[in-house]
């Protein structure tokens, strides 16, 4: 009996000694992801960590969220697809809207009342309104509880997608890189503010990039993605983004979707033909998805107005109003935004603080990433023994600075939106520029500490050998 117990114990010990390291990595990664999800969810849903000012958090973008709340009322009142399923405002004059009008949308929904009149928003497909209206219809709970559940859903989706990014950083670039990304999200006032809003459903901005990061990482196991599959992935995910949260931050979303191509193209040393084909496939798929969403929006407007051409005209007018167009037929207020200098707009967004309590402007964050990039580059230049893995470091460096094109393109091309909405257009810095930038910081520090530890060990070993020889 004692002999059997001994051999079982010995077998278990041998098993533990040979237990695959990948299993341990998966376990610790899972713990990090669960912790990250819980912390981010609480921050997004209830500002648990006070990363945003409480009053600002409670009323942030209440104006646009009230579109969705009004849609819930109209769906309950006239059907899910009434007025093409578009977002609305009820009982207001759209040329003279104030805080009480926004609150009226909430009061009407929460009290189970109806609208006498409504105004249709024709520049947004508004599928999040249809989705939440469907849940509202199926739910046995009160409107107040439903509103809490909807915000929990939006917060949970955003937290889950960002936790997925953290897991990817953990697997691909190391523990400290993932921790830096996690903390950078947790302390950001702007990601906290956008976390639970029912109009934006912010997780959908990041979902195309996340899916592509994991799918391209899967190629290491030999599961190559075909161009057709790549097209379908990007087309379907970007189409969902456009239908559910419209065209807000569309350029940062597209740049973010292309960032995995940059990272893995550099990491895996794709040849020029493969890189260009994949990059163009992503671009074409995204453009086709946007066009498909515009066709759907035109059909929705046609149902609402009875005129398909009105849908086309509405889209063109919105595009003309929100970009760098200098069309003199625009209202004077929009001409003012067109005449503003690009630098005057960029300066506002660069000077905004990353944090709520302490002034840490985005230009300081960018300067930090520049310094870390220089440290990496100088150490890995030709002729020196590199401290950092060149393949992953170069891929991360390229992806980080490519992703900066997303926010910059938004502020420059969608100049009118940037000009008028300086109180909220700061999320593009995080799509995904700051995520990759802070990931780079963690990567450089972790590899520096690892290299230093190895050097110290070699020095101690050589010293001990010299003492023994003496």
Protein backbone atom coordinates (compact mmCIF):
# COMPACT_ATOMS: atom_id res chain seq x y z
CA UNK A 1 0.00 0.00 0.00
CA UNK A 2 2.83 2.40 0.93
CA UNK A 3 4.59 1.51 -2.32
CA UNK A 4 1.48 2.41 -4.38
CA UNK A 5 1.10 5.76 -2.61
CA UNK A 6 4.79 6.53 -3.17
CA UNK A 7 4.58 5.85 -6.91
CA UNK A 8 1.39 7.96 -7.25
CA UNK A 9 3.08 10.84 -5.44
CA UNK A 10 6.15 10.44 -7.58
CA UNK A 11 4.03 10.42 -10.74
CA UNK A 12 2.19 13.61 -9.71
CA UNK A 13 5.49 15.32 -8.96
CA UNK A 14 6.82 14.39 -12.38
CA UNK A 15 3.60 15.67 -13.99
CA UNK A 16 3.87 19.03 -12.18
CA UNK A 17 7.50 19.35 -13.22
CA UNK A 18 6.60 18.79 -16.88
CA UNK A 19 3.34 20.80 -16.74
CA UNK A 20 3.32 22.90 -19.93
CA UNK A 21 4.23 26.52 -19.39
CA UNK A 22 1.50 27.52 -21.84
CA UNK A 23 -1.11 26.21 -19.39
CA UNK A 24 0.30 28.43 -16.65
CA UNK A 25 0.39 31.40 -19.03
CA UNK A 26 -3.23 30.78 -19.99
CA UNK A 27 -4.27 30.62 -16.34
CA UNK A 28 -2.53 33.85 -15.34
CA UNK A 29 -3.81 35.54 -18.49
CA UNK A 30 -7.35 34.46 -17.65
CA UNK A 31 -7.03 35.90 -14.14
CA UNK A 32 -5.81 39.21 -15.58
CA UNK A 33 -8.67 39.35 -18.08
CA UNK A 34 -11.33 38.63 -15.45
CA UNK A 35 -9.86 41.25 -13.12
CA UNK A 36 -9.63 43.76 -15.98
CA UNK A 37 -13.21 43.11 -17.07
CA UNK A 38 -14.61 43.58 -13.56
CA UNK A 39 -12.64 46.78 -12.91
CA UNK A 40 -13.44 48.28 -16.31
CA UNK A 41 -17.11 47.34 -16.13
CA UNK A 42 -17.51 49.01 -12.74
CA UNK A 43 -15.69 52.08 -13.98
CA UNK A 44 -17.77 52.35 -17.15
CA UNK A 45 -21.12 51.59 -15.56
CA UNK A 46 -20.96 53.55 -12.31
CA UNK A 47 -17.70 55.52 -12.34
CA UNK A 48 -16.60 53.31 -9.46
CA UNK A 49 -13.02 54.62 -9.43
CA UNK A 50 -14.01 58.29 -9.81
CA UNK A 51 -11.90 58.73 -12.93
CA UNK A 52 -14.46 61.21 -14.26
CA UNK A 53 -16.12 64.04 -12.37
CA UNK A 54 -19.41 62.64 -10.95
CA UNK A 55 -21.68 65.32 -12.44
CA UNK A 56 -19.98 65.13 -15.82
CA UNK A 57 -20.32 61.35 -15.76
CA UNK A 58 -24.04 61.48 -14.99
CA UNK A 59 -24.93 63.88 -17.82
CA UNK A 60 -22.23 63.06 -20.41
CA UNK A 61 -23.70 63.08 -23.93
CA UNK A 62 -27.21 62.95 -22.54
CA UNK A 63 -28.33 64.86 -25.63
CA UNK A 64 -27.41 62.10 -28.11
CA UNK A 65 -28.37 59.25 -25.78
CA UNK A 66 -31.83 60.79 -25.59
CA UNK A 67 -32.23 59.88 -29.29
CA UNK A 68 -32.11 56.21 -28.29
CA UNK A 69 -34.46 56.74 -25.34
CA UNK A 70 -36.95 58.50 -27.64
CA UNK A 71 -36.68 55.59 -30.08
CA UNK A 72 -37.72 53.26 -27.25
CA UNK A 73 -40.82 55.39 -26.75
CA UNK A 74 -41.71 55.51 -30.45
CA UNK A 75 -41.12 51.75 -30.89
CA UNK A 76 -43.45 51.10 -27.97
CA UNK A 77 -45.93 53.58 -29.40
CA UNK A 78 -45.86 52.84 -33.13
CA UNK A 79 -43.75 49.70 -33.74
CA UNK A 80 -40.09 48.66 -33.96
CA UNK A 81 -39.65 49.79 -37.57
CA UNK A 82 -41.87 52.85 -37.52
CA UNK A 83 -40.20 55.70 -39.43
CA UNK A 84 -37.71 53.20 -40.80
CA UNK A 85 -36.44 52.39 -37.31
CA UNK A 86 -34.53 55.68 -37.28
CA UNK A 87 -33.64 57.55 -34.11
CA UNK A 88 -35.98 60.36 -33.08
CA UNK A 89 -36.69 63.15 -30.63
CA UNK A 90 -40.23 63.58 -29.37
CA UNK A 91 -42.27 66.74 -28.75
CA UNK A 92 -39.49 69.21 -29.60
CA UNK A 93 -38.51 71.93 -32.03
CA UNK A 94 -35.23 70.59 -33.48
CA UNK A 95 -33.95 74.13 -34.15
CA UNK A 96 -34.35 75.11 -30.49
CA UNK A 97 -33.40 72.19 -28.23
CA UNK A 98 -32.33 72.56 -24.61
CA UNK A 99 -31.64 70.45 -21.52
CA UNK A 100 -35.32 70.15 -20.62
CA UNK A 101 -36.03 68.67 -24.07
CA UNK A 102 -33.42 65.96 -23.51
CA UNK A 103 -34.89 65.17 -20.10
CA UNK A 104 -38.35 64.99 -21.65
CA UNK A 105 -37.28 61.95 -23.69
CA UNK A 106 -36.25 60.12 -20.48
CA UNK A 107 -39.34 61.18 -18.54
CA UNK A 108 -41.65 60.05 -21.32
CA UNK A 109 -39.98 56.63 -21.50
CA UNK A 110 -39.73 56.07 -17.74
CA UNK A 111 -43.34 57.14 -17.12
CA UNK A 112 -44.73 54.96 -19.92
CA UNK A 113 -46.12 57.94 -21.85
CA UNK A 114 -46.26 58.71 -25.60
CA UNK A 115 -45.19 61.52 -27.94
CA UNK A 116 -47.63 63.86 -29.65
CA UNK A 117 -45.10 64.68 -32.38
CA UNK A 118 -41.58 63.54 -33.21
CA UNK A 119 -38.59 64.59 -35.31
CA UNK A 120 -36.53 61.98 -37.20
CA UNK A 121 -32.71 61.93 -37.24
CA UNK A 122 -31.84 61.07 -40.84
CA UNK A 123 -28.02 60.92 -40.57
CA UNK A 124 -27.75 57.74 -38.49
CA UNK A 125 -29.07 54.19 -39.14
CA UNK A 126 -29.87 53.89 -35.44
CA UNK A 127 -29.83 50.09 -35.17
CA UNK A 128 -28.91 50.38 -31.49
CA UNK A 129 -32.33 51.98 -31.04
CA UNK A 130 -34.01 49.02 -32.75
CA UNK A 131 -31.92 46.56 -30.71
CA UNK A 132 -32.72 48.14 -27.34
CA UNK A 133 -36.36 48.56 -28.39
CA UNK A 134 -36.55 44.83 -29.05
CA UNK A 135 -35.04 44.07 -25.63
CA UNK A 136 -37.44 46.57 -24.08
CA UNK A 137 -40.39 44.80 -25.66
CA UNK A 138 -39.23 41.36 -24.50
CA UNK A 139 -38.35 42.47 -20.99
CA UNK A 140 -40.81 41.83 -18.12
CA UNK A 141 -39.16 44.58 -16.05
CA UNK A 142 -40.00 48.24 -15.56
CA UNK A 143 -38.55 50.93 -17.87
CA UNK A 144 -36.23 52.15 -15.10
CA UNK A 145 -34.79 48.67 -14.63
CA UNK A 146 -34.54 48.17 -18.38
CA UNK A 147 -32.53 51.38 -18.69
CA UNK A 148 -30.09 50.07 -16.07
CA UNK A 149 -29.79 46.75 -17.91
CA UNK A 150 -29.17 48.49 -21.24
CA UNK A 151 -26.37 50.57 -19.72
CA UNK A 152 -24.95 47.45 -18.11
CA UNK A 153 -24.96 45.80 -21.54
CA UNK A 154 -23.15 48.74 -23.17
CA UNK A 155 -20.63 48.90 -20.31
CA UNK A 156 -20.12 45.14 -20.33
CA UNK A 157 -19.57 45.00 -24.08
CA UNK A 158 -17.00 47.79 -23.93
CA UNK A 159 -15.24 46.19 -20.94
CA UNK A 160 -15.21 42.76 -22.59
CA UNK A 161 -13.76 44.03 -25.87
CA UNK A 162 -11.06 46.03 -24.07
CA UNK A 163 -10.29 43.03 -21.83
CA UNK A 164 -9.77 41.14 -25.09
CA UNK A 165 -7.19 43.74 -26.13
CA UNK A 166 -5.46 43.34 -22.76
CA UNK A 167 -5.34 39.56 -23.23
CA UNK A 168 -3.85 40.01 -26.70
CA UNK A 169 -1.13 42.29 -25.30
CA UNK A 170 -0.47 39.73 -22.57
CA UNK A 171 -0.06 36.84 -24.99
CA UNK A 172 1.85 38.73 -27.66
CA UNK A 173 3.92 41.33 -25.81
CA UNK A 174 4.18 40.32 -22.18
CA UNK A 175 2.72 40.83 -18.73
CA UNK A 176 3.92 44.38 -18.09
CA UNK A 177 2.71 45.57 -21.49
CA UNK A 178 -0.78 44.20 -20.71
CA UNK A 179 -0.79 45.78 -17.25
CA UNK A 180 0.19 49.17 -18.69
CA UNK A 181 -2.64 48.94 -21.23
CA UNK A 182 -5.12 47.94 -18.51
CA UNK A 183 -4.13 50.82 -16.22
CA UNK A 184 -4.14 53.32 -19.10
CA UNK A 185 -7.77 52.42 -19.84
CA UNK A 186 -8.79 52.37 -16.19
CA UNK A 187 -7.50 55.89 -15.41
CA UNK A 188 -8.71 57.54 -18.63
CA UNK A 189 -11.54 59.97 -17.97
CA UNK A 190 -12.68 59.84 -21.59
CA UNK A 191 -12.94 56.07 -21.87
CA UNK A 192 -14.86 56.10 -18.57
CA UNK A 193 -17.25 58.74 -19.89
CA UNK A 194 -17.97 56.86 -23.14
CA UNK A 195 -18.31 53.50 -21.43
CA UNK A 196 -22.06 53.21 -20.82
CA UNK A 197 -23.60 55.58 -23.37
CA UNK A 198 -26.41 53.90 -25.33
CA UNK A 199 -25.91 56.07 -28.40
CA UNK A 200 -22.25 55.16 -28.93
CA UNK A 201 -22.16 51.52 -27.68
CA UNK A 202 -18.40 52.09 -27.67
CA UNK A 203 -17.30 48.46 -27.74
CA UNK A 204 -18.33 48.30 -31.41
CA UNK A 205 -15.64 50.85 -32.34
CA UNK A 206 -12.97 48.39 -31.18
CA UNK A 207 -14.51 45.05 -32.15
CA UNK A 208 -13.25 44.86 -35.79
CA UNK A 209 -9.63 45.44 -34.72
CA UNK A 210 -9.86 42.96 -31.84
CA UNK A 211 -11.27 40.16 -34.01
CA UNK A 212 -8.58 40.77 -36.63
CA UNK A 213 -5.78 40.79 -34.01
CA UNK A 214 -6.83 37.38 -32.72
CA UNK A 215 -7.46 35.94 -36.18
CA UNK A 216 -4.05 37.00 -37.51
CA UNK A 217 -2.39 35.73 -34.34
CA UNK A 218 -4.04 32.37 -35.07
CA UNK A 219 -1.97 32.10 -38.24
CA UNK A 220 0.99 31.10 -36.05
CA UNK A 221 -0.71 27.71 -35.67
CA UNK A 222 -0.93 27.34 -39.44
CA UNK A 223 -4.51 28.55 -39.87
CA UNK A 224 -3.89 31.10 -42.64
CA UNK A 225 -6.75 33.45 -43.40
CA UNK A 226 -7.85 33.68 -47.04
CA UNK A 227 -8.48 37.01 -48.71
CA UNK A 228 -12.17 36.14 -48.95
CA UNK A 229 -12.40 35.44 -45.23
CA UNK A 230 -10.46 38.60 -44.42
CA UNK A 231 -12.87 40.61 -46.58
CA UNK A 232 -15.93 39.07 -44.90
CA UNK A 233 -14.54 39.62 -41.39
CA UNK A 234 -13.88 43.30 -41.99
CA UNK A 235 -17.00 43.95 -44.07
CA UNK A 236 -19.40 42.41 -41.54
CA UNK A 237 -17.81 44.00 -38.46
CA UNK A 238 -17.49 47.48 -39.96
CA UNK A 239 -21.07 47.21 -41.26
CA UNK A 240 -22.26 46.38 -37.72
CA UNK A 241 -20.33 49.39 -36.41
CA UNK A 242 -21.92 51.73 -38.97
CA UNK A 243 -25.43 50.42 -38.42
CA UNK A 244 -25.27 50.49 -34.63
CA UNK A 245 -23.23 53.60 -33.85
CA UNK A 246 -23.29 55.40 -37.15
CA UNK A 247 -20.36 57.27 -38.62
CA UNK A 248 -18.99 58.81 -35.44
CA UNK A 249 -15.20 58.35 -35.28
CA UNK A 250 -15.32 56.41 -38.54
CA UNK A 251 -11.75 57.24 -39.62
CA UNK A 252 -10.17 56.23 -36.29
CA UNK A 253 -12.21 53.01 -36.44
CA UNK A 254 -10.92 52.25 -39.94
CA UNK A 255 -7.31 53.05 -39.00
CA UNK A 256 -7.70 50.85 -35.92
CA UNK A 257 -9.03 48.01 -38.10
CA UNK A 258 -5.94 48.27 -40.32
CA UNK A 259 -3.51 48.35 -37.37
CA UNK A 260 -3.38 44.50 -37.00
CA UNK A 261 -2.22 44.32 -40.63
CA UNK A 262 0.64 46.71 -39.80
CA UNK A 263 1.61 44.79 -36.66
CA UNK A 264 1.62 41.29 -38.13
CA UNK A 265 2.97 42.43 -41.47
CA UNK A 266 6.11 43.68 -39.69
CA UNK A 267 6.24 40.86 -37.12
CA UNK A 268 5.90 38.02 -39.64
CA UNK A 269 8.00 39.72 -42.34
CA UNK A 270 5.31 39.53 -45.00
CA UNK A 271 6.58 40.25 -48.48
CA UNK A 272 5.42 43.44 -50.16
CA UNK A 273 2.78 41.73 -52.30
CA UNK A 274 1.16 39.93 -49.35
CA UNK A 275 1.18 43.07 -47.21
CA UNK A 276 -0.35 45.29 -49.90
CA UNK A 277 -3.01 42.73 -50.84
CA UNK A 278 -4.10 42.29 -47.24
CA UNK A 279 -4.02 46.00 -46.48
CA UNK A 280 -6.05 46.80 -49.61
CA UNK A 281 -8.49 43.99 -48.79
CA UNK A 282 -9.16 45.60 -45.40
CA UNK A 283 -9.55 49.06 -46.96
CA UNK A 284 -11.89 47.88 -49.73
CA UNK A 285 -13.98 45.76 -47.33
CA UNK A 286 -14.36 48.72 -44.96
CA UNK A 287 -15.35 51.08 -47.79
CA UNK A 288 -17.88 48.57 -49.11
CA UNK A 289 -19.34 48.19 -45.61
CA UNK A 290 -19.74 51.96 -45.30
CA UNK A 291 -21.42 52.15 -48.71
CA UNK A 292 -23.75 49.27 -47.81
CA UNK A 293 -24.72 51.03 -44.58
CA UNK A 294 -25.43 54.23 -46.53
CA UNK A 295 -27.73 52.30 -48.87
CA UNK A 296 -29.57 50.88 -45.85
CA UNK A 297 -29.80 54.36 -44.32
CA UNK A 298 -31.21 55.73 -47.58
CA UNK A 299 -33.89 53.03 -47.55
CA UNK A 300 -34.72 53.87 -43.93
CA UNK A 301 -35.08 57.56 -44.75
CA UNK A 302 -37.24 56.64 -47.75
CA UNK A 303 -39.59 54.70 -45.45
CA UNK A 304 -39.69 57.63 -43.04
CA UNK A 305 -40.21 60.34 -45.65
CA UNK A 306 -41.67 58.42 -48.58
CA UNK A 307 -38.88 59.68 -50.87
CA UNK A 308 -35.68 57.70 -51.61
CA UNK A 309 -33.97 60.76 -53.08
CA UNK A 310 -34.43 62.57 -49.78
CA UNK A 311 -32.33 59.89 -48.12
CA UNK A 312 -29.49 60.48 -50.59
CA UNK A 313 -29.74 64.24 -50.21
CA UNK A 314 -29.72 63.97 -46.41
CA UNK A 315 -26.50 61.92 -46.47
CA UNK A 316 -24.76 64.34 -48.85
CA UNK A 317 -25.81 67.36 -46.80
CA UNK A 318 -24.54 65.76 -43.59
CA UNK A 319 -21.20 64.87 -45.18
CA UNK A 320 -20.88 68.38 -46.60
CA UNK A 321 -21.69 69.92 -43.22
CA UNK A 322 -19.32 67.82 -41.12
CA UNK A 323 -16.13 67.72 -43.19
CA UNK A 324 -13.62 70.23 -44.54
CA UNK A 325 -16.00 71.38 -47.27
CA UNK A 326 -15.91 75.10 -48.10
CA UNK A 327 -19.33 75.11 -49.72
CA UNK A 328 -20.64 78.68 -49.51
CA UNK A 329 -24.24 77.45 -49.40
CA UNK A 330 -23.71 76.21 -45.85
CA UNK A 331 -25.21 78.09 -42.95
CA UNK A 332 -22.90 80.79 -41.49
CA UNK A 333 -22.28 78.73 -38.35
CA UNK A 334 -20.81 75.87 -40.44
CA UNK A 335 -18.84 78.24 -42.63
CA UNK A 336 -17.17 79.46 -39.44
CA UNK A 337 -15.86 75.98 -38.73
CA UNK A 338 -14.58 75.66 -42.30
CA UNK A 339 -12.64 78.90 -41.94
CA UNK A 340 -10.97 77.83 -38.68
CA UNK A 341 -7.34 76.74 -39.03
CA UNK A 342 -6.53 73.06 -38.61
CA UNK A 343 -3.86 73.85 -36.02
CA UNK A 344 -6.28 75.84 -33.86
CA UNK A 345 -8.49 72.74 -33.67
CA UNK A 346 -5.64 70.28 -33.10
CA UNK A 347 -4.25 72.48 -30.33
CA UNK A 348 -7.51 72.10 -28.38
CA UNK A 349 -7.42 68.30 -28.55
CA UNK A 350 -3.70 68.06 -27.84
CA UNK A 351 -4.13 70.24 -24.75
CA UNK A 352 -7.03 68.29 -23.26
CA UNK A 353 -6.17 66.26 -20.15
CA UNK A 354 -5.94 62.49 -20.16
CA UNK A 355 -6.91 62.46 -16.48
CA UNK A 356 -9.71 64.19 -14.62
CA UNK A 357 -8.02 65.25 -11.38
CA UNK A 358 -4.54 66.02 -12.70
CA UNK A 359 -3.62 67.97 -15.82
CA UNK A 360 -1.83 65.52 -18.12
CA UNK A 361 -2.35 66.80 -21.68
CA UNK A 362 -2.34 64.47 -24.64
CA UNK A 363 0.72 66.20 -26.09
CA UNK A 364 2.62 65.08 -22.96
CA UNK A 365 1.42 61.50 -23.54
CA UNK A 366 2.61 61.69 -27.15
CA UNK A 367 5.96 63.10 -25.99
CA UNK A 368 6.32 60.13 -23.59
CA UNK A 369 5.71 57.69 -26.44
CA UNK A 370 8.30 59.54 -28.56
CA UNK A 371 10.92 59.22 -25.78
CA UNK A 372 10.22 55.52 -25.28
CA UNK A 373 10.38 54.96 -29.06
CA UNK A 374 13.76 56.71 -29.22
CA UNK A 375 15.06 54.57 -26.32
CA UNK A 376 13.95 51.46 -28.18
CA UNK A 377 15.36 52.62 -31.50
CA UNK A 378 18.72 53.73 -30.10
CA UNK A 379 19.28 50.45 -28.29
CA UNK A 380 18.31 48.33 -31.27
CA UNK A 381 20.31 50.23 -33.85
CA UNK A 382 22.86 48.31 -35.87
CA UNK A 383 26.05 47.37 -34.08
CA UNK A 384 24.62 47.01 -30.55
CA UNK A 385 23.42 43.94 -28.73
CA UNK A 386 19.66 44.68 -28.51
CA UNK A 387 17.90 44.54 -25.14
CA UNK A 388 14.50 44.15 -26.80
CA UNK A 389 13.23 41.46 -29.22
CA UNK A 390 13.60 43.30 -32.56
CA UNK A 391 10.71 41.60 -34.39
CA UNK A 392 8.03 42.31 -31.80
CA UNK A 393 9.51 45.69 -30.89
CA UNK A 394 9.53 46.86 -34.51
CA UNK A 395 5.98 45.58 -35.05
CA UNK A 396 4.73 47.36 -31.93
CA UNK A 397 6.56 50.55 -32.85
CA UNK A 398 5.09 50.54 -36.37
CA UNK A 399 1.55 49.81 -35.16
CA UNK A 400 1.75 52.52 -32.49
CA UNK A 401 2.70 55.35 -34.81
CA UNK A 402 0.47 54.16 -37.65
CA UNK A 403 -2.49 54.25 -35.24
CA UNK A 404 -1.83 57.96 -34.62
CA UNK A 405 -3.18 58.58 -38.13
CA UNK A 406 -6.67 57.66 -36.88
CA UNK A 407 -7.28 60.58 -34.50
CA UNK A 408 -5.31 63.05 -36.62
CA UNK A 409 -7.34 62.21 -39.73
CA UNK A 410 -10.59 62.62 -37.78
CA UNK A 411 -9.67 66.06 -36.45
CA UNK A 412 -8.45 67.24 -39.85
CA UNK A 413 -11.03 65.76 -42.26
CA UNK A 414 -14.12 65.91 -40.02
CA UNK A 415 -13.13 69.42 -39.13
CA UNK A 416 -16.62 70.74 -38.48
CA UNK A 417 -17.44 68.01 -35.96
CA UNK A 418 -14.10 68.57 -34.21
CA UNK A 419 -14.68 72.32 -34.16
CA UNK A 420 -18.14 72.21 -32.55
CA UNK A 421 -17.76 69.23 -30.23
CA UNK A 422 -14.56 69.90 -28.31
CA UNK A 423 -16.38 68.80 -25.14
CA UNK A 424 -16.46 65.14 -26.22
CA UNK A 425 -14.32 64.26 -29.27
CA UNK A 426 -11.33 62.91 -27.33
CA UNK A 427 -11.97 59.17 -27.59
CA UNK A 428 -10.12 58.94 -30.96
CA UNK A 429 -6.78 59.34 -29.11
CA UNK A 430 -7.54 55.93 -27.63
CA UNK A 431 -8.43 54.27 -30.95
CA UNK A 432 -6.02 52.56 -30.42
CA UNK A 433 -3.05 54.98 -30.24
CA UNK A 434 -2.78 55.25 -26.45
CA UNK A 435 -3.39 51.51 -26.04
CA UNK A 436 -0.44 50.64 -28.27
CA UNK A 437 1.64 53.51 -26.90
CA UNK A 438 1.30 52.40 -23.29
CA UNK A 439 1.76 48.81 -24.43
CA UNK A 440 5.06 49.93 -25.95
CA UNK A 441 6.09 51.53 -22.63
CA UNK A 442 5.41 48.31 -20.73
CA UNK A 443 7.17 46.22 -23.39
CA UNK A 444 10.34 48.33 -23.29
CA UNK A 445 10.47 48.41 -19.47
CA UNK A 446 9.84 44.67 -19.08
CA UNK A 447 12.48 43.70 -21.62
CA UNK A 448 14.97 46.16 -20.14
CA UNK A 449 14.48 44.65 -16.67
CA UNK A 450 14.78 41.12 -18.07
CA UNK A 451 17.98 41.97 -19.95
CA UNK A 452 19.43 43.73 -16.90
CA UNK A 453 18.66 40.70 -14.74
CA UNK A 454 20.47 38.42 -17.22
CA UNK A 455 23.49 40.75 -17.31
CA UNK A 456 23.63 40.89 -13.50
CA UNK A 457 23.44 37.09 -13.33
CA UNK A 458 26.34 36.76 -15.80
CA UNK A 459 28.41 39.24 -13.78
CA UNK A 460 27.76 37.33 -10.53
CA UNK A 461 28.57 34.03 -12.27
CA UNK A 462 31.85 35.37 -13.65
CA UNK A 463 32.78 36.82 -10.25
CA UNK A 464 32.09 33.51 -8.52
CA UNK A 465 34.17 31.66 -11.14
CA UNK A 466 37.09 34.08 -10.68
CA UNK A 467 36.93 33.59 -6.87
CA UNK A 468 36.93 29.82 -7.27
CA UNK A 469 39.92 30.00 -9.67
CA UNK A 470 41.75 32.18 -7.15
